[in-house]
Amino acid sequence: MALTVEQIAEEALALPSEARALLADRLVESLDPADDGHIRQLWIEEIRRRRDEVRSGRVKTIPGDEALAFARRTAGR
């Protein structure tokens, strides 16, 4: 009897976290590489858009240590 996707997911979620991470990596690696090229192109467009926003002054940057400190404070709430 073949397992359903829901049954497979249920079994996978019962695995220890390290095994789930390994399974997730293997599943992602198995995705169609043609899709990867499309996703890569979308990221390139996003990177260029963000770069242009910074260069034009529409976005104000902050130092990395300040950003990390803010993230830590926010996550600690």
C-alpha atoms as a PDB file:
ATOM      1  CA  MET A   1       0.000   0.000   0.000  1.00  0.00           C
ATOM      2  CA  ALA A   2       1.405   3.394  -1.010  1.00  0.00           C
ATOM      3  CA  LEU A   3       1.630   6.097   1.621  1.00  0.00           C
ATOM      4  CA  THR A   4      -0.124   9.420   1.114  1.00  0.00           C
ATOM      5  CA  VAL A   5       1.771  12.678   1.284  1.00  0.00           C
ATOM      6  CA  GLU A   6       0.039  13.392   4.606  1.00  0.00           C
ATOM      7  CA  GLN A   7       1.196  10.039   6.022  1.00  0.00           C
ATOM      8  CA  ILE A   8       4.749  10.671   4.847  1.00  0.00           C
ATOM      9  CA  ALA A   9       4.694  14.149   6.399  1.00  0.00           C
ATOM     10  CA  GLU A  10       3.400  12.747   9.680  1.00  0.00           C
ATOM     11  CA  GLU A  11       6.174  10.155   9.751  1.00  0.00           C
ATOM     12  CA  ALA A  12       8.793  12.744   8.824  1.00  0.00           C
ATOM     13  CA  LEU A  13       7.668  15.127  11.554  1.00  0.00           C
ATOM     14  CA  ALA A  14       8.131  12.340  14.096  1.00  0.00           C
ATOM     15  CA  LEU A  15      11.851  12.106  13.243  1.00  0.00           C
ATOM     16  CA  PRO A  16      14.502  13.770  15.413  1.00  0.00           C
ATOM     17  CA  SER A  17      15.364  17.316  14.314  1.00  0.00           C
ATOM     18  CA  GLU A  18      18.706  16.331  12.763  1.00  0.00           C
ATOM     19  CA  ALA A  19      17.031  13.674  10.610  1.00  0.00           C
ATOM     20  CA  ARG A  20      14.284  16.146   9.585  1.00  0.00           C
ATOM     21  CA  ALA A  21      16.942  18.663   8.529  1.00  0.00           C
ATOM     22  CA  LEU A  22      18.723  16.015   6.455  1.00  0.00           C
ATOM     23  CA  LEU A  23      15.441  14.989   4.849  1.00  0.00           C
ATOM     24  CA  ALA A  24      14.568  18.612   4.090  1.00  0.00           C
ATOM     25  CA  ASP A  25      17.962  19.125   2.435  1.00  0.00           C
ATOM     26  CA  ARG A  26      17.510  16.019   0.313  1.00  0.00           C
ATOM     27  CA  LEU A  27      14.026  17.086  -0.753  1.00  0.00           C
ATOM     28  CA  VAL A  28      15.176  20.579  -1.717  1.00  0.00           C
ATOM     29  CA  GLU A  29      18.105  19.141  -3.684  1.00  0.00           C
ATOM     30  CA  SER A  30      15.674  16.924  -5.592  1.00  0.00           C
ATOM     31  CA  LEU A  31      13.662  19.853  -6.960  1.00  0.00           C
ATOM     32  CA  ASP A  32      13.768  20.589 -10.668  1.00  0.00           C
ATOM     33  CA  PRO A  33      17.010  22.454 -11.462  1.00  0.00           C
ATOM     34  CA  ALA A  34      15.160  24.430 -14.163  1.00  0.00           C
ATOM     35  CA  ASP A  35      13.136  26.069 -11.396  1.00  0.00           C
ATOM     36  CA  ASP A  36      16.398  26.995  -9.692  1.00  0.00           C
ATOM     37  CA  GLY A  37      17.392  29.191 -12.637  1.00  0.00           C
ATOM     38  CA  HIS A  38      14.096  31.063 -12.447  1.00  0.00           C
ATOM     39  CA  ILE A  39      14.451  31.560  -8.699  1.00  0.00           C
ATOM     40  CA  ARG A  40      18.046  32.716  -9.149  1.00  0.00           C
ATOM     41  CA  GLN A  41      16.881  35.301 -11.711  1.00  0.00           C
ATOM     42  CA  LEU A  42      14.203  36.566  -9.323  1.00  0.00           C
ATOM     43  CA  TRP A  43      16.828  37.004  -6.593  1.00  0.00           C
ATOM     44  CA  ILE A  44      19.128  38.879  -8.977  1.00  0.00           C
ATOM     45  CA  GLU A  45      16.289  41.264  -9.798  1.00  0.00           C
ATOM     46  CA  GLU A  46      15.565  41.753  -6.077  1.00  0.00           C
ATOM     47  CA  ILE A  47      19.249  42.394  -5.330  1.00  0.00           C
ATOM     48  CA  ARG A  48      19.454  44.993  -8.079  1.00  0.00           C
ATOM     49  CA  ARG A  49      16.251  46.678  -6.882  1.00  0.00           C
ATOM     50  CA  ARG A  50      17.594  46.921  -3.321  1.00  0.00           C
ATOM     51  CA  ARG A  51      20.980  48.122  -4.542  1.00  0.00           C
ATOM     52  CA  ASP A  52      19.324  50.852  -6.583  1.00  0.00           C
ATOM     53  CA  GLU A  53      17.209  51.938  -3.601  1.00  0.00           C
ATOM     54  CA  VAL A  54      20.332  52.330  -1.472  1.00  0.00           C
ATOM     55  CA  ARG A  55      22.261  54.152  -4.193  1.00  0.00           C
ATOM     56  CA  SER A  56      19.388  56.562  -4.838  1.00  0.00           C
ATOM     57  CA  GLY A  57      19.012  57.372  -1.148  1.00  0.00           C
ATOM     58  CA  ARG A  58      15.440  56.012  -0.922  1.00  0.00           C
ATOM     59  CA  VAL A  59      16.670  53.556   1.714  1.00  0.00           C
ATOM     60  CA  LYS A  60      18.909  54.478   4.634  1.00  0.00           C
ATOM     61  CA  THR A  61      21.389  51.794   5.619  1.00  0.00           C
ATOM     62  CA  ILE A  62      22.538  51.072   9.153  1.00  0.00           C
ATOM     63  CA  PRO A  63      25.719  49.350  10.338  1.00  0.00           C
ATOM     64  CA  GLY A  64      25.494  45.580  10.686  1.00  0.00           C
ATOM     65  CA  ASP A  65      26.243  45.585  14.413  1.00  0.00           C
ATOM     66  CA  GLU A  66      23.318  47.973  14.999  1.00  0.00           C
ATOM     67  CA  ALA A  67      21.013  45.799  12.914  1.00  0.00           C
ATOM     68  CA  LEU A  68      22.036  42.674  14.835  1.00  0.00           C
ATOM     69  CA  ALA A  69      21.601  44.431  18.190  1.00  0.00           C
ATOM     70  CA  PHE A  70      18.120  45.566  17.134  1.00  0.00           C
ATOM     71  CA  ALA A  71      17.219  42.045  15.976  1.00  0.00           C
ATOM     72  CA  ARG A  72      18.415  40.553  19.256  1.00  0.00           C
ATOM     73  CA  ARG A  73      16.432  43.096  21.294  1.00  0.00           C
ATOM     74  CA  THR A  74      13.337  42.518  19.203  1.00  0.00           C
ATOM     75  CA  ALA A  75      13.604  38.724  19.363  1.00  0.00           C
ATOM     76  CA  GLY A  76      14.088  38.867  23.130  1.00  0.00           C
ATOM     77  CA  ARG A  77      10.724  40.494  23.716  1.00  0.00           C
END
